[in-house]
Protein backbone atom coordinates (compact mmCIF):
# COMPACT_ATOMS: atom_id res chain seq x y z
CA GLN A 1 14.37 -11.93 -1.00
CA VAL A 2 13.22 -8.45 -0.04
CA GLN A 3 9.56 -8.05 0.83
CA LEU A 4 7.68 -4.79 1.30
CA VAL A 5 4.61 -5.18 3.51
CA GLU A 6 2.05 -2.38 3.56
CA SER A 7 -0.70 -1.77 6.09
CA GLY A 8 -3.03 0.95 7.35
CA GLY A 9 -5.49 1.37 4.51
CA GLY A 10 -9.23 1.31 4.93
CA LEU A 11 -12.50 3.18 4.62
CA VAL A 12 -12.74 6.66 6.10
CA GLN A 13 -15.15 9.59 5.82
CA PRO A 14 -14.07 12.89 4.26
CA GLY A 15 -12.00 14.88 6.73
CA GLY A 16 -10.76 11.74 8.45
CA SER A 17 -7.22 10.44 8.83
CA LEU A 18 -5.27 7.30 8.07
CA ARG A 19 -1.68 6.28 8.61
CA LEU A 20 -0.03 3.95 6.12
CA SER A 21 3.13 2.02 6.86
CA CYS A 22 5.50 0.00 4.72
CA SER A 23 8.24 -2.20 6.13
CA ALA A 24 11.11 -3.80 4.24
CA SER A 25 12.33 -7.18 5.38
CA GLY A 26 15.76 -8.61 4.74
CA SER A 27 19.35 -7.61 5.33
CA GLY A 28 22.47 -6.55 3.53
CA PHE A 29 21.06 -3.29 2.20
CA SER A 30 20.61 0.33 3.06
CA ILE A 31 17.56 2.33 2.06
CA ASN A 32 17.92 5.39 -0.10
CA THR A 33 14.81 7.15 -1.36
CA MET A 34 11.42 5.89 -0.17
CA GLY A 35 8.09 6.98 -1.52
CA TRP A 36 4.37 6.51 -1.82
CA TYR A 37 2.42 6.30 -5.06
CA ARG A 38 -1.26 5.87 -5.70
CA GLN A 39 -3.49 4.67 -8.50
CA ALA A 40 -7.13 5.72 -8.62
CA PRO A 41 -9.75 3.81 -10.62
CA GLY A 42 -9.29 4.45 -14.33
CA LYS A 43 -6.16 6.54 -13.80
CA GLN A 44 -2.40 6.06 -14.04
CA ARG A 45 -0.20 5.59 -11.01
CA GLU A 46 1.05 8.90 -9.65
CA LEU A 47 3.66 10.03 -7.16
CA VAL A 48 2.31 11.14 -3.78
CA ALA A 49 5.41 11.80 -1.68
CA THR A 50 9.09 10.89 -1.39
CA ILE A 51 11.67 11.02 1.36
CA THR A 52 15.44 10.71 1.00
CA SER A 53 18.02 9.49 3.49
CA ALA A 54 18.91 13.11 4.39
CA PRO A 55 15.93 13.19 4.97
CA SER A 56 14.35 15.66 2.60
CA THR A 57 10.75 15.38 1.48
CA LYS A 58 8.69 16.24 -1.57
CA TYR A 59 4.94 16.13 -2.06
CA ALA A 60 2.49 16.23 -4.89
CA ASP A 61 0.68 19.57 -4.96
CA SER A 62 -2.63 17.82 -4.35
CA VAL A 63 -1.55 16.54 -0.92
CA LYS A 64 0.67 19.35 0.39
CA GLY A 65 -0.38 20.46 3.85
CA ARG A 66 -2.43 17.32 4.41
CA PHE A 67 -0.02 14.37 4.06
CA THR A 68 3.27 13.79 5.85
CA ILE A 69 5.85 11.21 4.86
CA SER A 70 8.38 9.97 7.41
CA ARG A 71 10.80 7.11 7.91
CA ASP A 72 12.28 5.01 10.69
CA ASN A 73 15.61 3.68 9.49
CA ALA A 74 16.02 1.35 12.47
CA LYS A 75 12.78 -0.39 11.46
CA ASN A 76 13.27 -0.09 7.68
CA THR A 77 9.85 1.50 7.57
CA VAL A 78 8.26 4.42 5.76
CA TYR A 79 5.00 6.02 6.87
CA LEU A 80 2.40 8.21 5.25
CA GLN A 81 0.21 10.19 7.63
CA MET A 82 -2.88 11.31 5.73
CA ASN A 83 -5.05 14.00 7.31
CA ASN A 84 -8.14 15.81 6.06
CA LEU A 85 -8.77 13.10 3.52
CA LYS A 86 -10.87 13.90 0.47
CA PRO A 87 -12.84 11.64 -1.88
CA GLU A 88 -10.27 12.31 -4.60
CA ASP A 89 -7.66 10.62 -2.38
CA THR A 90 -9.40 7.30 -2.98
CA ALA A 91 -6.88 4.96 -4.58
CA VAL A 92 -4.65 1.97 -4.09
CA TYR A 93 -1.50 3.24 -2.38
CA TYR A 94 1.83 1.62 -3.17
CA CYS A 95 5.09 1.84 -1.27
CA ASN A 96 8.27 2.20 -3.33
CA VAL A 97 11.77 1.76 -1.94
CA HIS A 98 15.19 2.17 -3.53
CA LEU A 99 17.60 -0.24 -1.85
CA LEU A 100 21.38 -0.02 -2.05
CA TRP A 101 22.92 -3.47 -1.87
CA SER A 102 26.53 -3.46 -0.66
CA ARG A 103 28.94 -3.57 -3.59
CA VAL A 104 26.10 -4.48 -5.95
CA GLY A 105 23.95 -1.49 -6.74
CA VAL A 106 20.55 0.11 -6.33
CA TYR A 107 17.33 -1.82 -6.92
CA ASP A 108 13.72 -0.72 -6.96
CA TYR A 109 11.00 -2.52 -4.97
CA TRP A 110 7.23 -2.13 -4.72
CA GLY A 111 4.77 -3.03 -2.00
CA GLN A 112 1.60 -5.00 -2.66
CA GLY A 113 -0.67 -1.96 -2.38
CA THR A 114 -3.26 -1.00 0.20
CA GLN A 115 -6.73 0.35 -0.56
CA VAL A 116 -7.73 3.77 0.75
CA THR A 117 -11.37 4.71 0.27
CA VAL A 118 -12.70 8.13 1.28
CA SER A 119 -16.48 8.25 1.14
CA SER A 120 -19.44 9.56 3.12
């Protein structure tokens, strides 16, 4: 069974930085699109950034110029480098991975979430 394990969240002051990581365990698959989503208190989950196998990247307007998504295919890991953090970045961040199983198809998996709190 595939497991996505997230790490790197925590408490940081405005202007600080954090680096999130998400690693997929298992075998027999290749990773297509990977992404990060977040859900702030009282709000719906929203897309933060995605990265394809090309790799090409896309970012939400609110994080452009501050966040960088990257991937290490050898480690089945996706990262989110978050710089110049703002209080409005406070949320639970979730990793999402689209896995291609050989001769089966594509399946969608979610990490357990990691809390990011930006506060003075």
